[in-house]
Amino acid sequence: KQVVQDLMKDGTVERGWLGVEIQPVTSEIAESLGLKSDKGALVSSAQDDGPGQKAGISAGDVITQVDGKDVASPKELARLIGAYPPGKPVDVTLWR
């Protein structure tokens, strides 16, 4: 819905970007990392010179929150980050 609204209003879509590849946190991964639940997004890699890498995010980190909002899944992380305008700083909570 937001993409369509942006296109109708401005003719373009601008979305926030973290520059990390992510995957789901399975119950097996959660257990091996000592997480209490299988929530969050597991970082499989951080793009060279991307905002995530510049902030210190690296492979193996689990992103659990963005600006205090819980991240339930990789899809949720993409939705949360994409809702921010490009260049806006956000607080990212990690499990390392």
Protein backbone atom coordinates (compact mmCIF):
# COMPACT_ATOMS: atom_id res chain seq x y z
CA LYS A 1 0.00 0.00 0.00
CA GLN A 2 2.74 2.45 0.95
CA VAL A 3 4.63 1.87 -2.32
CA VAL A 4 1.51 2.61 -4.36
CA GLN A 5 0.81 5.74 -2.30
CA ASP A 6 4.39 6.97 -2.77
CA LEU A 7 4.23 6.36 -6.52
CA MET A 8 0.95 8.22 -6.81
CA LYS A 9 2.20 11.13 -4.70
CA ASP A 10 5.81 11.56 -5.86
CA GLY A 11 6.30 9.19 -8.78
CA THR A 12 9.17 7.52 -6.90
CA VAL A 13 9.73 5.22 -3.96
CA GLU A 14 12.46 5.80 -1.38
CA ARG A 15 13.11 3.20 1.26
CA GLY A 16 15.63 2.72 4.02
CA TRP A 17 18.40 0.19 3.43
CA LEU A 18 20.59 -1.63 5.94
CA GLY A 19 22.82 -3.48 3.48
CA VAL A 20 22.74 -6.91 5.09
CA GLU A 21 21.66 -10.32 3.85
CA ILE A 22 19.40 -12.01 6.38
CA GLN A 23 17.74 -15.34 7.02
CA PRO A 24 15.22 -16.68 9.53
CA VAL A 25 16.24 -17.74 13.01
CA THR A 26 15.18 -21.37 13.31
CA SER A 27 14.64 -23.00 16.68
CA GLU A 28 17.89 -24.93 16.15
CA ILE A 29 19.84 -21.73 15.43
CA ALA A 30 18.23 -19.99 18.42
CA GLU A 31 19.20 -22.87 20.70
CA SER A 32 22.79 -22.97 19.42
CA LEU A 33 23.18 -19.20 19.97
CA GLY A 34 21.57 -19.21 23.40
CA LEU A 35 18.52 -17.21 22.32
CA LYS A 36 15.30 -17.71 24.25
CA SER A 37 13.14 -17.69 21.10
CA ASP A 38 13.37 -18.02 17.33
CA LYS A 39 12.54 -14.34 16.76
CA GLY A 40 14.79 -11.92 14.89
CA ALA A 41 16.78 -11.96 11.69
CA LEU A 42 20.12 -13.75 11.37
CA VAL A 43 22.70 -11.77 9.39
CA SER A 44 24.39 -14.04 6.86
CA SER A 45 26.56 -11.23 5.47
CA ALA A 46 26.96 -7.47 5.49
CA GLN A 47 27.58 -5.68 2.20
CA ASP A 48 30.98 -4.04 1.84
CA ASP A 49 30.71 -0.34 2.66
CA GLY A 50 26.97 -0.70 3.40
CA PRO A 51 25.40 1.09 6.35
CA GLY A 52 25.12 -2.13 8.37
CA GLN A 53 28.80 -2.96 7.99
CA LYS A 54 29.78 0.63 8.80
CA ALA A 55 27.73 0.32 12.00
CA GLY A 56 29.59 -2.87 12.95
CA ILE A 57 26.95 -5.44 12.02
CA SER A 58 28.54 -8.68 10.86
CA ALA A 59 27.68 -12.23 9.83
CA GLY A 60 26.31 -14.27 12.71
CA ASP A 61 24.62 -11.33 14.45
CA VAL A 62 20.90 -11.62 15.12
CA ILE A 63 18.98 -8.38 14.75
CA THR A 64 16.32 -8.38 17.47
CA GLN A 65 15.05 -4.78 17.50
CA VAL A 66 14.95 -1.61 15.40
CA ASP A 67 14.38 1.61 17.35
CA GLY A 68 12.96 -0.43 20.23
CA LYS A 69 10.50 -2.36 18.03
CA ASP A 70 10.83 -6.14 18.16
CA VAL A 71 11.89 -7.90 14.97
CA ALA A 72 9.89 -11.11 14.60
CA SER A 73 11.39 -12.27 11.29
CA PRO A 74 13.52 -11.22 8.30
CA LYS A 75 10.35 -10.00 6.59
CA GLU A 76 9.55 -7.82 9.60
CA LEU A 77 13.09 -6.39 9.60
CA ALA A 78 12.82 -5.49 5.91
CA ARG A 79 9.45 -3.82 6.54
CA LEU A 80 10.73 -1.83 9.52
CA ILE A 81 13.93 -0.63 7.81
CA GLY A 82 12.15 0.09 4.54
CA ALA A 83 9.71 2.39 6.31
CA TYR A 84 12.52 4.80 7.24
CA PRO A 85 13.69 7.43 4.77
CA PRO A 86 17.19 6.89 3.35
CA GLY A 87 19.90 8.38 5.55
CA LYS A 88 17.85 8.42 8.76
CA PRO A 89 19.80 6.95 11.66
CA VAL A 90 18.12 4.10 13.58
CA ASP A 91 19.08 2.12 16.66
CA VAL A 92 19.59 -1.58 15.93
CA THR A 93 19.72 -4.10 18.78
CA LEU A 94 21.82 -7.22 18.15
CA TRP A 95 22.47 -10.56 19.76
CA ARG A 96 26.11 -11.41 19.22
